[in-house]
Amino acid sequence: MPESNTEAKPKRQGRPPTIENARDRILDDAARLFARDGYDGTSLGEIAASVGVTKAAIYHYFPNKKEIYEAIIVRTLEGLRRYVSQATAETSGPEEALSRFMTAHADFFEDHYDGFLTMLVGYGGMENVVMIAEAQKLRDEHEQALRHIIADGIAQGAFRAVDVDTTGRAVLSMLNWMVRWFKPGKGRRAAAFAQDYCDLMLGGLRR
């Protein structure tokens, strides 16, 4: 029987194939292909070929291409939130906290470039309500952590009185826009650019 081109979820039969770190391998290869060729330009069969398994084997882990895409977004946001949270856990003050937030965000972006490119530049739709809720929760936590840093700086007198939400959006816009022009391994590290951005922000925030 010929393969369907709809990539609809087939019935699962038997035990899943043995693939070491299967889920992460599928997400890693899919992110690389999505980043290179786009969501629409990548087929489930190409993802399977990249991993080195059959298309049927992919269905043991993900029901369709969309769920792979959504899982990449959630995994990227989970990793970003964890990494930045650890980097900003202990700081000497708001300026250091802002610097660590921005450089840690940039470090994680550079080290997980394909996932970020897939999330920020690739196909933008999500359908699974559980995944949508999880992604939004992680985004909100990340943005709220940044707002707390800015608000603490204002409260301590280190930063002038600015609109916290607007300033937070400006910081994240600068960091996320890097995905449009930054290329890993092509000169300076992403964190160096993030520190430049931070210095510019602080120059406008210091009293």
C-alpha atoms as a PDB file:
ATOM      1  CA  MET A   1       0.000   0.000   0.000  1.00  0.00           C
ATOM      2  CA  PRO A   2       1.551   3.399  -0.964  1.00  0.00           C
ATOM      3  CA  GLU A   3       2.394   6.022   1.677  1.00  0.00           C
ATOM      4  CA  SER A   4      -0.111   8.809   2.196  1.00  0.00           C
ATOM      5  CA  ASN A   5       1.101  12.317   1.497  1.00  0.00           C
ATOM      6  CA  THR A   6      -1.144  13.792   4.195  1.00  0.00           C
ATOM      7  CA  GLU A   7       1.158  12.730   7.035  1.00  0.00           C
ATOM      8  CA  ALA A   8      -1.934  11.827   9.067  1.00  0.00           C
ATOM      9  CA  LYS A   9      -1.484   9.820  12.221  1.00  0.00           C
ATOM     10  CA  PRO A  10      -1.409   6.091  11.429  1.00  0.00           C
ATOM     11  CA  LYS A  11      -2.392   3.346  13.771  1.00  0.00           C
ATOM     12  CA  ARG A  12       0.475   2.382  16.027  1.00  0.00           C
ATOM     13  CA  GLN A  13       1.367  -1.272  15.992  1.00  0.00           C
ATOM     14  CA  GLY A  14       3.787  -3.237  18.073  1.00  0.00           C
ATOM     15  CA  ARG A  15       6.601  -1.867  20.164  1.00  0.00           C
ATOM     16  CA  PRO A  16       8.453   1.300  19.175  1.00  0.00           C
ATOM     17  CA  PRO A  17      11.774   0.858  17.374  1.00  0.00           C
ATOM     18  CA  THR A  18      14.911   1.104  19.468  1.00  0.00           C
ATOM     19  CA  ILE A  19      16.503   4.518  18.886  1.00  0.00           C
ATOM     20  CA  GLU A  20      18.930   5.891  21.430  1.00  0.00           C
ATOM     21  CA  ASN A  21      17.664   9.252  22.730  1.00  0.00           C
ATOM     22  CA  ALA A  22      14.978   8.931  20.099  1.00  0.00           C
ATOM     23  CA  ARG A  23      12.825  11.935  20.938  1.00  0.00           C
ATOM     24  CA  ASP A  24      15.743  14.368  21.206  1.00  0.00           C
ATOM     25  CA  ARG A  25      17.335  13.028  18.039  1.00  0.00           C
ATOM     26  CA  ILE A  26      14.113  13.546  16.112  1.00  0.00           C
ATOM     27  CA  LEU A  27      13.721  17.073  17.479  1.00  0.00           C
ATOM     28  CA  ASP A  28      17.378  17.941  16.816  1.00  0.00           C
ATOM     29  CA  ASP A  29      17.281  16.802  13.201  1.00  0.00           C
ATOM     30  CA  ALA A  30      13.852  18.302  12.569  1.00  0.00           C
ATOM     31  CA  ALA A  31      14.977  21.673  13.959  1.00  0.00           C
ATOM     32  CA  ARG A  32      18.034  21.625  11.700  1.00  0.00           C
ATOM     33  CA  LEU A  33      15.883  20.864   8.645  1.00  0.00           C
ATOM     34  CA  PHE A  34      13.193  23.389   9.581  1.00  0.00           C
ATOM     35  CA  ALA A  35      15.875  26.034  10.128  1.00  0.00           C
ATOM     36  CA  ARG A  36      17.461  25.287   6.757  1.00  0.00           C
ATOM     37  CA  ASP A  37      14.454  24.566   4.539  1.00  0.00           C
ATOM     38  CA  GLY A  38      11.481  25.911   6.478  1.00  0.00           C
ATOM     39  CA  TYR A  39       8.539  24.050   7.938  1.00  0.00           C
ATOM     40  CA  ASP A  40       6.689  23.697   4.650  1.00  0.00           C
ATOM     41  CA  GLY A  41       9.877  22.737   2.847  1.00  0.00           C
ATOM     42  CA  THR A  42      10.560  19.788   5.133  1.00  0.00           C
ATOM     43  CA  SER A  43       8.699  16.500   4.920  1.00  0.00           C
ATOM     44  CA  LEU A  44       8.265  13.888   7.607  1.00  0.00           C
ATOM     45  CA  GLY A  45      10.091  11.470   5.334  1.00  0.00           C
ATOM     46  CA  GLU A  46      13.116  13.788   5.217  1.00  0.00           C
ATOM     47  CA  ILE A  47      13.152  13.983   9.010  1.00  0.00           C
ATOM     48  CA  ALA A  48      13.047  10.193   9.223  1.00  0.00           C
ATOM     49  CA  ALA A  49      15.860   9.860   6.686  1.00  0.00           C
ATOM     50  CA  SER A  50      17.993  12.338   8.622  1.00  0.00           C
ATOM     51  CA  VAL A  51      17.508  10.410  11.862  1.00  0.00           C
ATOM     52  CA  GLY A  52      18.190   7.142  10.022  1.00  0.00           C
ATOM     53  CA  VAL A  53      14.836   5.452  10.607  1.00  0.00           C
ATOM     54  CA  THR A  54      11.695   4.780   8.642  1.00  0.00           C
ATOM     55  CA  LYS A  55       8.834   7.222   8.485  1.00  0.00           C
ATOM     56  CA  ALA A  56       6.727   4.689  10.376  1.00  0.00           C
ATOM     57  CA  ALA A  57       9.253   4.754  13.219  1.00  0.00           C
ATOM     58  CA  ILE A  58       8.748   8.503  13.644  1.00  0.00           C
ATOM     59  CA  TYR A  59       5.043   7.870  14.291  1.00  0.00           C
ATOM     60  CA  HIS A  60       5.916   5.924  17.427  1.00  0.00           C
ATOM     61  CA  TYR A  61       7.075   9.218  18.967  1.00  0.00           C
ATOM     62  CA  PHE A  62       5.104  11.954  17.189  1.00  0.00           C
ATOM     63  CA  PRO A  63       1.740  11.697  15.412  1.00  0.00           C
ATOM     64  CA  ASN A  64       2.599  14.256  12.721  1.00  0.00           C
ATOM     65  CA  LYS A  65       5.025  16.963  11.633  1.00  0.00           C
ATOM     66  CA  LYS A  66       3.115  19.720  13.445  1.00  0.00           C
ATOM     67  CA  GLU A  67       3.617  18.036  16.818  1.00  0.00           C
ATOM     68  CA  ILE A  68       7.347  17.772  16.142  1.00  0.00           C
ATOM     69  CA  TYR A  69       7.397  21.500  15.413  1.00  0.00           C
ATOM     70  CA  GLU A  70       5.454  22.304  18.577  1.00  0.00           C
ATOM     71  CA  ALA A  71       7.704  20.076  20.676  1.00  0.00           C
ATOM     72  CA  ILE A  72      10.763  21.954  19.358  1.00  0.00           C
ATOM     73  CA  ILE A  73       9.230  25.240  20.526  1.00  0.00           C
ATOM     74  CA  VAL A  74       8.406  23.950  24.000  1.00  0.00           C
ATOM     75  CA  ARG A  75      11.800  22.276  24.414  1.00  0.00           C
ATOM     76  CA  THR A  76      13.589  25.453  23.323  1.00  0.00           C
ATOM     77  CA  LEU A  77      11.605  27.603  25.742  1.00  0.00           C
ATOM     78  CA  GLU A  78      12.103  25.130  28.599  1.00  0.00           C
ATOM     79  CA  GLY A  79      15.840  25.127  28.060  1.00  0.00           C
ATOM     80  CA  LEU A  80      16.008  28.901  27.747  1.00  0.00           C
ATOM     81  CA  ARG A  81      14.050  29.453  30.931  1.00  0.00           C
ATOM     82  CA  ARG A  82      16.174  26.981  32.889  1.00  0.00           C
ATOM     83  CA  TYR A  83      19.490  28.318  31.581  1.00  0.00           C
ATOM     84  CA  VAL A  84      18.713  31.996  32.170  1.00  0.00           C
ATOM     85  CA  SER A  85      17.221  31.266  35.582  1.00  0.00           C
ATOM     86  CA  GLN A  86      20.425  29.548  36.668  1.00  0.00           C
ATOM     87  CA  ALA A  87      22.566  32.386  35.291  1.00  0.00           C
ATOM     88  CA  THR A  88      20.645  35.034  37.214  1.00  0.00           C
ATOM     89  CA  ALA A  89      20.184  33.087  40.452  1.00  0.00           C
ATOM     90  CA  GLU A  90      22.834  35.063  42.357  1.00  0.00           C
ATOM     91  CA  THR A  91      23.830  38.574  41.314  1.00  0.00           C
ATOM     92  CA  SER A  92      25.257  41.615  43.073  1.00  0.00           C
ATOM     93  CA  GLY A  93      22.611  44.040  41.821  1.00  0.00           C
ATOM     94  CA  PRO A  94      20.177  44.962  39.027  1.00  0.00           C
ATOM     95  CA  GLU A  95      22.865  45.905  36.490  1.00  0.00           C
ATOM     96  CA  GLU A  96      24.636  42.580  36.846  1.00  0.00           C
ATOM     97  CA  ALA A  97      21.290  40.783  36.795  1.00  0.00           C
ATOM     98  CA  LEU A  98      20.305  42.478  33.530  1.00  0.00           C
ATOM     99  CA  SER A  99      23.696  41.709  31.995  1.00  0.00           C
ATOM    100  CA  ARG A 100      23.500  38.055  33.000  1.00  0.00           C
ATOM    101  CA  PHE A 101      19.930  37.739  31.737  1.00  0.00           C
ATOM    102  CA  MET A 102      20.813  39.157  28.338  1.00  0.00           C
ATOM    103  CA  THR A 103      24.099  37.310  27.847  1.00  0.00           C
ATOM    104  CA  ALA A 104      22.639  34.006  29.067  1.00  0.00           C
ATOM    105  CA  HIS A 105      19.714  34.411  26.665  1.00  0.00           C
ATOM    106  CA  ALA A 106      22.194  35.029  23.842  1.00  0.00           C
ATOM    107  CA  ASP A 107      24.425  32.108  24.846  1.00  0.00           C
ATOM    108  CA  PHE A 108      21.483  29.713  24.828  1.00  0.00           C
ATOM    109  CA  PHE A 109      20.291  31.108  21.512  1.00  0.00           C
ATOM    110  CA  GLU A 110      23.685  30.533  19.911  1.00  0.00           C
ATOM    111  CA  ASP A 111      24.045  27.035  21.334  1.00  0.00           C
ATOM    112  CA  HIS A 112      20.497  26.096  20.238  1.00  0.00           C
ATOM    113  CA  TYR A 113      20.409  28.120  17.054  1.00  0.00           C
ATOM    114  CA  ASP A 114      18.282  25.716  14.990  1.00  0.00           C
ATOM    115  CA  GLY A 115      15.586  25.554  17.645  1.00  0.00           C
ATOM    116  CA  PHE A 116      15.458  29.340  17.915  1.00  0.00           C
ATOM    117  CA  LEU A 117      15.358  29.772  14.153  1.00  0.00           C
ATOM    118  CA  THR A 118      12.518  27.265  13.941  1.00  0.00           C
ATOM    119  CA  MET A 119      10.638  29.002  16.740  1.00  0.00           C
ATOM    120  CA  LEU A 120      11.100  32.619  15.666  1.00  0.00           C
ATOM    121  CA  VAL A 121      11.399  32.497  11.877  1.00  0.00           C
ATOM    122  CA  GLY A 122       9.778  29.283  10.712  1.00  0.00           C
ATOM    123  CA  TYR A 123       6.114  28.385  10.477  1.00  0.00           C
ATOM    124  CA  GLY A 124       4.308  30.163  13.301  1.00  0.00           C
ATOM    125  CA  GLY A 125       1.152  28.195  13.997  1.00  0.00           C
ATOM    126  CA  MET A 126       0.486  25.906  16.940  1.00  0.00           C
ATOM    127  CA  GLU A 127      -2.642  23.759  17.275  1.00  0.00           C
ATOM    128  CA  ASN A 128      -2.220  21.452  20.273  1.00  0.00           C
ATOM    129  CA  VAL A 129      -3.906  23.327  23.132  1.00  0.00           C
ATOM    130  CA  VAL A 130      -1.686  21.682  25.742  1.00  0.00           C
ATOM    131  CA  MET A 131       1.486  22.675  23.898  1.00  0.00           C
ATOM    132  CA  ILE A 132       0.164  26.190  23.294  1.00  0.00           C
ATOM    133  CA  ALA A 133      -0.535  26.626  27.007  1.00  0.00           C
ATOM    134  CA  GLU A 134       2.890  25.296  27.975  1.00  0.00           C
ATOM    135  CA  ALA A 135       4.687  27.532  25.478  1.00  0.00           C
ATOM    136  CA  GLN A 136       2.783  30.598  26.653  1.00  0.00           C
ATOM    137  CA  LYS A 137       3.509  29.769  30.296  1.00  0.00           C
ATOM    138  CA  LEU A 138       7.239  29.520  29.591  1.00  0.00           C
ATOM    139  CA  ARG A 139       7.269  32.770  27.589  1.00  0.00           C
ATOM    140  CA  ASP A 140       5.405  34.551  30.370  1.00  0.00           C
ATOM    141  CA  GLU A 141       7.825  33.265  33.022  1.00  0.00           C
ATOM    142  CA  HIS A 142      10.822  34.394  30.979  1.00  0.00           C
ATOM    143  CA  GLU A 143       9.383  37.858  30.369  1.00  0.00           C
ATOM    144  CA  GLN A 144       8.276  38.209  33.988  1.00  0.00           C
ATOM    145  CA  ALA A 145      11.780  37.399  35.237  1.00  0.00           C
ATOM    146  CA  LEU A 146      13.131  40.231  33.091  1.00  0.00           C
ATOM    147  CA  ARG A 147      10.454  42.621  34.324  1.00  0.00           C
ATOM    148  CA  HIS A 148      11.387  41.794  37.922  1.00  0.00           C
ATOM    149  CA  ILE A 149      15.002  42.735  37.219  1.00  0.00           C
ATOM    150  CA  ILE A 150      13.968  46.067  35.738  1.00  0.00           C
ATOM    151  CA  ALA A 151      11.461  46.789  38.516  1.00  0.00           C
ATOM    152  CA  ASP A 152      14.044  45.929  41.189  1.00  0.00           C
ATOM    153  CA  GLY A 153      16.506  48.307  39.552  1.00  0.00           C
ATOM    154  CA  ILE A 154      13.955  51.107  39.668  1.00  0.00           C
ATOM    155  CA  ALA A 155      13.015  50.341  43.276  1.00  0.00           C
ATOM    156  CA  GLN A 156      16.680  50.367  44.349  1.00  0.00           C
ATOM    157  CA  GLY A 157      17.369  53.645  42.552  1.00  0.00           C
ATOM    158  CA  ALA A 158      19.829  52.062  40.121  1.00  0.00           C
ATOM    159  CA  PHE A 159      17.524  52.617  37.111  1.00  0.00           C
ATOM    160  CA  ARG A 160      15.462  55.662  36.363  1.00  0.00           C
ATOM    161  CA  ALA A 161      11.689  55.346  36.359  1.00  0.00           C
ATOM    162  CA  VAL A 162      10.737  53.718  33.069  1.00  0.00           C
ATOM    163  CA  ASP A 163       7.757  51.681  31.936  1.00  0.00           C
ATOM    164  CA  VAL A 164       8.737  48.168  32.976  1.00  0.00           C
ATOM    165  CA  ASP A 165       6.677  46.318  30.356  1.00  0.00           C
ATOM    166  CA  THR A 166       7.859  48.493  27.482  1.00  0.00           C
ATOM    167  CA  THR A 167      11.499  48.230  28.547  1.00  0.00           C
ATOM    168  CA  GLY A 168      11.216  44.465  28.901  1.00  0.00           C
ATOM    169  CA  ARG A 169       9.758  44.153  25.419  1.00  0.00           C
ATOM    170  CA  ALA A 170      12.563  46.315  24.041  1.00  0.00           C
ATOM    171  CA  VAL A 171      15.224  44.078  25.604  1.00  0.00           C
ATOM    172  CA  LEU A 172      13.627  40.873  24.307  1.00  0.00           C
ATOM    173  CA  SER A 173      13.106  42.414  20.865  1.00  0.00           C
ATOM    174  CA  MET A 174      16.814  43.222  20.604  1.00  0.00           C
ATOM    175  CA  LEU A 175      17.783  39.723  21.710  1.00  0.00           C
ATOM    176  CA  ASN A 176      15.290  37.862  19.541  1.00  0.00           C
ATOM    177  CA  TRP A 177      16.008  39.965  16.449  1.00  0.00           C
ATOM    178  CA  MET A 178      19.533  38.529  16.475  1.00  0.00           C
ATOM    179  CA  VAL A 179      18.079  35.402  14.897  1.00  0.00           C
ATOM    180  CA  ARG A 180      17.621  37.446  11.702  1.00  0.00           C
ATOM    181  CA  TRP A 181      21.289  38.268  11.212  1.00  0.00           C
ATOM    182  CA  PHE A 182      23.517  36.345  13.619  1.00  0.00           C
ATOM    183  CA  LYS A 183      25.331  33.246  12.365  1.00  0.00           C
ATOM    184  CA  PRO A 184      27.121  30.954  14.851  1.00  0.00           C
ATOM    185  CA  GLY A 185      30.840  30.627  14.222  1.00  0.00           C
ATOM    186  CA  LYS A 186      31.019  33.814  12.153  1.00  0.00           C
ATOM    187  CA  GLY A 187      33.019  36.128  14.372  1.00  0.00           C
ATOM    188  CA  ARG A 188      31.906  37.349  17.780  1.00  0.00           C
ATOM    189  CA  ARG A 189      29.830  35.288  20.151  1.00  0.00           C
ATOM    190  CA  ALA A 190      26.160  36.183  20.523  1.00  0.00           C
ATOM    191  CA  ALA A 191      26.753  37.036  24.185  1.00  0.00           C
ATOM    192  CA  ALA A 192      29.224  39.759  23.171  1.00  0.00           C
ATOM    193  CA  PHE A 193      26.537  41.456  21.097  1.00  0.00           C
ATOM    194  CA  ALA A 194      24.069  41.020  23.947  1.00  0.00           C
ATOM    195  CA  GLN A 195      26.507  42.737  26.306  1.00  0.00           C
ATOM    196  CA  ASP A 196      26.758  45.627  23.846  1.00  0.00           C
ATOM    197  CA  TYR A 197      22.970  45.858  23.881  1.00  0.00           C
ATOM    198  CA  CYS A 198      22.993  45.740  27.662  1.00  0.00           C
ATOM    199  CA  ASP A 199      25.517  48.572  27.864  1.00  0.00           C
ATOM    200  CA  LEU A 200      23.309  50.640  25.571  1.00  0.00           C
ATOM    201  CA  MET A 201      20.290  49.908  27.733  1.00  0.00           C
ATOM    202  CA  LEU A 202      22.129  50.732  30.932  1.00  0.00           C
ATOM    203  CA  GLY A 203      23.424  53.961  29.490  1.00  0.00           C
ATOM    204  CA  GLY A 204      19.805  55.014  29.149  1.00  0.00           C
ATOM    205  CA  LEU A 205      18.748  53.613  32.496  1.00  0.00           C
ATOM    206  CA  ARG A 206      21.405  54.858  34.897  1.00  0.00           C
ATOM    207  CA  ARG A 207      20.478  57.886  36.947  1.00  0.00           C
END
